[in-house]
């Protein structure tokens, strides 16, 4: 009986030892390089705004010139 218990214990330990897994993951150092990006969106938007408001600017300049001409007379 004692030999059977010892054999069962050894068999159980052997099965548990065989089921053990081990994983190693090596991570290489990550190199981060700078990224340079140039975007020229503001120039396009600025030109479009100038074109959009040019009629208002022209109307303001015309009314200012009319006011100056009236005050000068």
Protein backbone atom coordinates (compact mmCIF):
# COMPACT_ATOMS: atom_id res chain seq x y z
CA UNK A 1 0.00 0.00 0.00
CA UNK A 2 2.85 2.31 0.87
CA UNK A 3 4.54 1.63 -2.49
CA UNK A 4 1.26 2.31 -4.34
CA UNK A 5 0.83 5.64 -2.53
CA UNK A 6 4.45 6.61 -3.29
CA UNK A 7 4.02 5.63 -6.94
CA UNK A 8 0.78 7.64 -7.20
CA UNK A 9 2.44 10.65 -5.61
CA UNK A 10 5.43 10.43 -7.97
CA UNK A 11 3.12 10.04 -10.96
CA UNK A 12 1.07 13.07 -9.87
CA UNK A 13 4.20 15.19 -9.39
CA UNK A 14 5.56 14.10 -12.78
CA UNK A 15 2.29 15.10 -14.48
CA UNK A 16 2.22 18.48 -12.75
CA UNK A 17 5.88 19.08 -13.61
CA UNK A 18 5.21 18.23 -17.27
CA UNK A 19 2.31 20.70 -17.45
CA UNK A 20 4.42 23.60 -16.26
CA UNK A 21 5.09 26.16 -18.97
CA UNK A 22 7.55 28.99 -19.08
CA UNK A 23 7.62 31.88 -21.55
CA UNK A 24 10.31 34.47 -22.07
CA UNK A 25 9.68 37.57 -24.09
CA UNK A 26 12.59 39.80 -24.95
CA UNK A 27 11.79 43.35 -25.93
CA UNK A 28 14.35 45.21 -27.97
CA UNK A 29 14.84 48.90 -27.19
CA UNK A 30 12.49 51.10 -29.17
CA UNK A 31 14.07 54.01 -31.02
CA UNK A 32 11.87 57.07 -31.43
CA UNK A 33 12.95 59.49 -34.13
CA UNK A 34 11.59 63.04 -34.41
CA UNK A 35 9.08 63.74 -37.15
CA UNK A 36 9.01 67.14 -38.84
CA UNK A 37 5.78 68.14 -40.56
CA UNK A 38 5.10 71.46 -42.26
CA UNK A 39 1.52 72.39 -43.06
CA UNK A 40 0.64 75.51 -45.07
CA UNK A 41 -3.09 75.53 -44.42
CA UNK A 42 -3.19 78.91 -42.64
CA UNK A 43 -1.97 80.78 -45.71
CA UNK A 44 -4.77 79.38 -47.85
CA UNK A 45 -7.41 80.15 -45.20
CA UNK A 46 -5.99 83.65 -44.72
CA UNK A 47 -6.17 84.38 -48.46
CA UNK A 48 -9.73 83.05 -48.64
CA UNK A 49 -10.75 85.24 -45.70
CA UNK A 50 -9.16 88.26 -47.36
CA UNK A 51 -11.12 87.54 -50.52
CA UNK A 52 -14.32 86.96 -48.54
CA UNK A 53 -14.06 90.21 -46.56
CA UNK A 54 -12.62 92.35 -49.38
CA UNK A 55 -16.06 93.68 -50.33
CA UNK A 56 -16.63 94.79 -46.73
CA UNK A 57 -13.19 96.41 -46.62
CA UNK A 58 -13.84 98.17 -49.94
CA UNK A 59 -17.23 99.41 -48.71
CA UNK A 60 -15.65 100.67 -45.49
CA UNK A 61 -12.91 102.48 -47.41
CA UNK A 62 -15.49 104.06 -49.74
CA UNK A 63 -17.60 105.31 -46.83
CA UNK A 64 -14.52 106.64 -45.04
CA UNK A 65 -13.45 108.50 -48.21
CA UNK A 66 -16.96 109.92 -48.60
CA UNK A 67 -16.97 111.06 -44.97
CA UNK A 68 -13.57 112.74 -45.38
CA UNK A 69 -14.69 114.47 -48.58
CA UNK A 70 -17.83 115.74 -46.82
CA UNK A 71 -15.85 117.04 -43.82
CA UNK A 72 -13.30 118.76 -46.07
CA UNK A 73 -15.97 120.84 -47.86
